[in-house]
Amino acid sequence: MAKSAGYPDYLFVSGYDISGDVGAVRRVATLRPSLEVTGINTAGGRERLQGHMDGALAFDAFFNDAASQEHEVLKARAAIEYLMYFMGGTLGNPAAMLVALQPNYDGNRGQDGSLLLTVDALSKGAIGASPVNKALEWGTQLTAGKITHASATSSTGEVTASSASGYAAQLQVFSVGSGSPIITIEHSSDTTNGIDGVWATLEAFAASAANTAERIEGTGTVNKGLRVTSSTVFTNCVFAVALRRGSTVDTIAYA
């Protein structure tokens, strides 16, 4: 992916696709404040340390109270929300993931008759074993946007470089025709095109019902090939998955 404009983009919230009701994504932020610790004996420049990690995702929505649209999803200001911002709908494109609080749902009725709602989602804090969850995580799309598996199958995967610092991933399930699908991330050390080669389970998600979402993380090696596979007996599962590979420069390693 090279330089690109921000369209068409997608915003998913806890198993709902509200992209068509979002007019602007104002902020996709990974935050780390600086703490000044300059001693009185310092004659030169200032001294600073990094503060706590944080994350934010802010957007403006058009009022829509139809079923499964933005008002139904956002009006309750849920204590925990799972957000995914997809840049385009192409396998391997950037994706931002955040486990968040939604502190506001602010309406503004303009003089021109418009009705806009403002949301500023802020990171929830530690959800699992690792405090790295406090940050917004930039990864890549393991599905080409929102995809449908009519029955158990494997999607074509992406092939990048192997990594050895763990991972974090998020799944959002939008609808299921019947059954309880199991969505699994698999990796391969020998695939050349995301299809061939030998594949092994990296981790399976527990979420399997419509309008649910889940974040997982793990340690160790993530091979160069990554794909999503569905299993069990089900029909028409519509879902999206993104994953971030951990880095050797991460302040806190994935647990």
Protein backbone atom coordinates (compact mmCIF):
# COMPACT_ATOMS: atom_id res chain seq x y z
CA MET A 1 0.00 0.00 0.00
CA ALA A 2 1.34 3.45 -0.95
CA LYS A 3 -0.07 6.97 -0.52
CA SER A 4 -3.82 6.85 -0.48
CA ALA A 5 -6.89 8.87 0.33
CA GLY A 6 -9.17 7.94 3.23
CA TYR A 7 -11.95 6.32 1.22
CA PRO A 8 -13.70 4.00 1.12
CA ASP A 9 -12.99 3.33 4.81
CA TYR A 10 -14.96 1.36 7.38
CA LEU A 11 -15.76 1.64 11.08
CA PHE A 12 -16.96 -1.37 13.05
CA VAL A 13 -18.22 -1.20 16.65
CA SER A 14 -18.75 -4.36 18.72
CA GLY A 15 -20.08 -6.45 15.85
CA TYR A 16 -21.96 -3.69 14.01
CA ASP A 17 -20.92 -2.04 10.76
CA ILE A 18 -21.83 1.64 11.17
CA SER A 19 -19.64 2.86 8.30
CA GLY A 20 -22.59 4.24 6.33
CA ASP A 21 -23.62 6.44 9.27
CA VAL A 22 -20.15 7.89 9.93
CA GLY A 23 -19.31 11.13 8.17
CA ALA A 24 -15.84 11.70 9.61
CA VAL A 25 -13.24 9.92 11.71
CA ARG A 26 -11.64 12.83 13.52
CA ARG A 27 -8.96 11.07 15.51
CA VAL A 28 -7.16 7.73 15.50
CA ALA A 29 -4.59 8.24 18.22
CA THR A 30 -1.90 6.30 20.04
CA LEU A 31 -1.06 8.53 22.97
CA ARG A 32 1.98 8.66 25.26
CA PRO A 33 2.41 11.85 27.28
CA SER A 34 5.84 13.14 28.16
CA LEU A 35 6.72 13.70 31.82
CA GLU A 36 9.21 16.45 32.49
CA VAL A 37 11.87 15.42 35.02
CA THR A 38 14.38 18.21 34.56
CA GLY A 39 16.49 18.62 37.69
CA ILE A 40 17.52 21.97 39.07
CA ASN A 41 21.14 20.99 38.43
CA THR A 42 20.54 20.72 34.67
CA ALA A 43 22.07 23.54 32.65
CA GLY A 44 21.25 22.18 29.20
CA GLY A 45 18.05 20.84 27.64
CA ARG A 46 15.00 19.50 29.42
CA GLU A 47 14.76 15.86 30.57
CA ARG A 48 11.63 13.85 29.85
CA LEU A 49 10.23 10.36 30.43
CA GLN A 50 7.33 8.63 28.72
CA GLY A 51 4.02 8.46 30.59
CA HIS A 52 1.22 5.91 30.49
CA MET A 53 0.03 4.52 27.17
CA ASP A 54 -3.39 5.56 25.92
CA GLY A 55 -5.54 5.38 22.81
CA ALA A 56 -8.48 7.21 21.29
CA LEU A 57 -10.78 6.93 18.32
CA ALA A 58 -13.17 9.83 17.68
CA PHE A 59 -15.82 10.16 14.99
CA ASP A 60 -18.95 12.01 13.91
CA ALA A 61 -22.11 10.13 12.94
CA PHE A 62 -25.37 10.96 11.19
CA PHE A 63 -28.45 10.14 13.25
CA ASN A 64 -29.97 6.83 12.15
CA ASP A 65 -32.34 4.95 14.46
CA ALA A 66 -32.99 2.03 12.10
CA ALA A 67 -32.23 -1.47 13.40
CA SER A 68 -28.50 -2.19 13.85
CA GLN A 69 -27.53 1.35 12.85
CA GLU A 70 -25.57 3.97 14.76
CA HIS A 71 -28.21 5.13 17.27
CA GLU A 72 -29.01 1.60 18.42
CA VAL A 73 -25.29 0.83 18.78
CA LEU A 74 -24.07 4.06 20.41
CA LYS A 75 -26.92 5.42 22.53
CA ALA A 76 -26.20 3.16 25.53
CA ARG A 77 -22.56 4.34 25.82
CA ALA A 78 -21.37 0.81 26.59
CA ALA A 79 -18.77 0.21 29.31
CA ILE A 80 -16.66 -1.81 26.88
CA GLU A 81 -16.69 -1.39 23.12
CA TYR A 82 -14.53 -2.98 20.46
CA LEU A 83 -13.68 -0.64 17.62
CA MET A 84 -11.99 -1.39 14.31
CA TYR A 85 -11.11 1.25 11.73
CA PHE A 86 -10.30 -0.31 8.35
CA MET A 87 -8.47 1.73 5.73
CA GLY A 88 -10.12 0.38 2.60
CA GLY A 89 -11.31 -3.19 2.30
CA THR A 90 -8.22 -4.91 0.95
CA LEU A 91 -6.36 -7.81 2.54
CA GLY A 92 -3.22 -6.51 4.25
CA ASN A 93 -4.35 -2.89 4.43
CA PRO A 94 -3.85 -1.00 7.71
CA ALA A 95 -6.39 -1.44 10.50
CA ALA A 96 -6.65 0.26 13.88
CA MET A 97 -8.06 -1.67 16.85
CA LEU A 98 -9.18 -0.32 20.20
CA VAL A 99 -10.91 -1.73 23.27
CA ALA A 100 -12.64 1.35 24.58
CA LEU A 101 -15.01 3.22 26.83
CA GLN A 102 -17.56 5.45 25.14
CA PRO A 103 -17.92 8.42 27.52
CA ASN A 104 -20.12 10.54 25.28
CA TYR A 105 -22.80 10.57 22.60
CA ASP A 106 -23.26 14.26 21.94
CA GLY A 107 -25.87 15.55 19.52
CA ASN A 108 -25.72 18.80 17.58
CA ARG A 109 -28.79 19.93 15.66
CA GLY A 110 -27.58 22.54 13.18
CA GLN A 111 -29.53 25.58 12.04
CA ASP A 112 -29.62 23.98 8.60
CA GLY A 113 -31.57 21.02 10.04
CA SER A 114 -28.66 18.58 10.22
CA LEU A 115 -28.35 16.25 13.22
CA LEU A 116 -24.83 15.03 13.98
CA LEU A 117 -23.64 12.88 16.88
CA THR A 118 -20.11 13.04 18.27
CA VAL A 119 -18.33 10.09 19.89
CA ASP A 120 -14.90 10.14 21.54
CA ALA A 121 -13.94 6.56 22.42
CA LEU A 122 -11.07 6.21 24.91
CA SER A 123 -9.04 3.12 25.70
CA LYS A 124 -10.56 0.94 28.40
CA GLY A 125 -7.30 -0.11 30.07
CA ALA A 126 -6.02 -3.61 30.81
CA ILE A 127 -8.53 -6.16 29.49
CA GLY A 128 -6.29 -9.21 29.67
CA ALA A 129 -2.94 -10.13 31.12
CA SER A 130 -1.02 -7.35 29.42
CA PRO A 131 -1.28 -3.60 30.10
CA VAL A 132 -0.38 -3.00 26.45
CA ASN A 133 -4.17 -3.20 25.93
CA LYS A 134 -4.36 0.41 27.05
CA ALA A 135 -3.10 1.57 23.67
CA LEU A 136 -4.71 1.75 20.26
CA GLU A 137 -3.12 -0.95 18.10
CA TRP A 138 -2.28 -0.50 14.43
CA GLY A 139 -2.24 -3.78 12.54
CA THR A 140 -3.32 -5.15 9.18
CA GLN A 141 -6.54 -6.59 7.81
CA LEU A 142 -6.59 -10.39 7.78
CA THR A 143 -9.91 -10.22 5.94
CA ALA A 144 -10.60 -8.10 2.89
CA GLY A 145 -12.84 -5.78 4.85
CA LYS A 146 -16.04 -7.47 6.01
CA ILE A 147 -16.28 -10.95 4.48
CA THR A 148 -18.76 -13.85 4.41
CA HIS A 149 -18.02 -17.53 4.95
CA ALA A 150 -21.06 -19.46 3.75
CA SER A 151 -19.71 -22.56 5.49
CA ALA A 152 -16.43 -23.80 6.97
CA THR A 153 -13.52 -22.65 4.81
CA SER A 154 -10.17 -20.84 4.73
CA SER A 155 -9.68 -17.40 3.24
CA THR A 156 -6.62 -16.43 1.24
CA GLY A 157 -4.02 -15.08 3.64
CA GLU A 158 -1.44 -12.32 3.59
CA VAL A 159 2.29 -13.02 3.34
CA THR A 160 4.73 -10.61 4.99
CA ALA A 161 7.76 -11.20 7.21
CA SER A 162 7.93 -13.58 10.15
CA SER A 163 8.05 -11.97 13.60
CA ALA A 164 8.94 -13.19 17.09
CA SER A 165 7.35 -10.72 19.51
CA GLY A 166 3.80 -12.00 19.84
CA TYR A 167 0.58 -10.54 18.48
CA ALA A 168 -2.81 -9.02 19.23
CA ALA A 169 -5.89 -9.54 17.09
CA GLN A 170 -9.54 -8.53 17.04
CA LEU A 171 -12.59 -10.26 15.59
CA GLN A 172 -15.99 -8.70 14.94
CA VAL A 173 -18.93 -10.96 13.99
CA PHE A 174 -21.75 -9.06 12.29
CA SER A 175 -24.23 -11.83 11.52
CA VAL A 176 -24.58 -15.62 11.45
CA GLY A 177 -27.26 -17.44 9.48
CA SER A 178 -27.22 -20.49 11.74
CA GLY A 179 -24.85 -22.43 13.97
CA SER A 180 -21.84 -21.27 15.98
CA PRO A 181 -18.77 -20.82 13.78
CA ILE A 182 -15.27 -20.96 15.23
CA ILE A 183 -12.96 -18.37 13.69
CA THR A 184 -9.28 -19.27 13.89
CA ILE A 185 -6.11 -17.43 12.89
CA GLU A 186 -3.60 -19.74 11.24
CA HIS A 187 0.02 -19.10 10.27
CA SER A 188 2.47 -20.73 7.88
CA SER A 189 6.24 -20.61 7.50
CA ASP A 190 6.32 -21.87 3.89
CA THR A 191 3.36 -20.37 2.04
CA THR A 192 4.18 -18.22 -0.96
CA ASN A 193 0.73 -16.93 -1.86
CA GLY A 194 -1.41 -17.21 1.27
CA ILE A 195 -3.01 -20.43 0.01
CA ASP A 196 -0.42 -23.18 -0.37
CA GLY A 197 1.95 -24.52 2.30
CA VAL A 198 1.42 -26.04 5.73
CA TRP A 199 -0.82 -24.11 8.13
CA ALA A 200 -1.04 -24.36 11.91
CA THR A 201 -3.33 -22.75 14.47
CA LEU A 202 -2.07 -19.52 15.98
CA GLU A 203 -5.18 -18.99 18.14
CA ALA A 204 -8.95 -19.38 17.94
CA PHE A 205 -11.49 -16.78 18.99
CA ALA A 206 -14.29 -17.64 21.40
CA ALA A 207 -16.81 -15.17 19.93
CA SER A 208 -19.23 -16.90 17.57
CA ALA A 209 -22.58 -15.09 17.72
CA ALA A 210 -23.90 -12.15 15.73
CA ASN A 211 -23.02 -8.66 17.00
CA THR A 212 -20.13 -9.84 19.16
CA ALA A 213 -16.44 -8.94 19.22
CA GLU A 214 -13.29 -10.17 20.92
CA ARG A 215 -9.63 -9.26 21.33
CA ILE A 216 -6.92 -11.89 21.83
CA GLU A 217 -3.16 -11.74 22.25
CA GLY A 218 -0.28 -14.17 22.48
CA THR A 219 3.47 -14.56 22.69
CA GLY A 220 6.18 -16.01 20.49
CA THR A 221 6.69 -16.45 16.78
CA VAL A 222 4.15 -15.43 14.16
CA ASN A 223 5.10 -17.00 10.83
CA LYS A 224 5.15 -15.06 7.58
CA GLY A 225 1.77 -16.31 6.32
CA LEU A 226 -1.45 -15.41 8.14
CA ARG A 227 -5.02 -16.38 7.26
CA VAL A 228 -8.44 -16.86 8.87
CA THR A 229 -10.22 -20.21 8.87
CA SER A 230 -13.77 -21.03 9.95
CA SER A 231 -14.90 -24.40 11.24
CA THR A 232 -17.90 -26.31 12.69
CA VAL A 233 -21.34 -26.47 11.04
CA PHE A 234 -22.83 -23.05 10.33
CA THR A 235 -24.17 -20.88 7.53
CA ASN A 236 -23.32 -17.38 6.34
CA CYS A 237 -21.02 -15.92 8.94
CA VAL A 238 -20.17 -12.27 8.19
CA PHE A 239 -17.09 -11.08 10.05
CA ALA A 240 -13.83 -9.11 10.01
CA VAL A 241 -10.41 -9.78 11.55
CA ALA A 242 -7.30 -7.64 12.02
CA LEU A 243 -3.95 -8.48 13.64
CA ARG A 244 -0.95 -6.57 14.93
CA ARG A 245 2.45 -8.26 15.05
CA GLY A 246 4.40 -7.39 18.17
CA SER A 247 7.71 -5.58 17.73
CA THR A 248 11.05 -5.75 19.48
CA VAL A 249 10.69 -2.04 20.25
CA ASP A 250 7.35 -2.44 22.07
CA THR A 251 7.58 -0.89 25.52
CA ILE A 252 5.63 -3.80 26.99
CA ALA A 253 5.68 -7.20 25.31
CA TYR A 254 2.47 -9.11 24.63
CA ALA A 255 1.72 -11.52 27.48
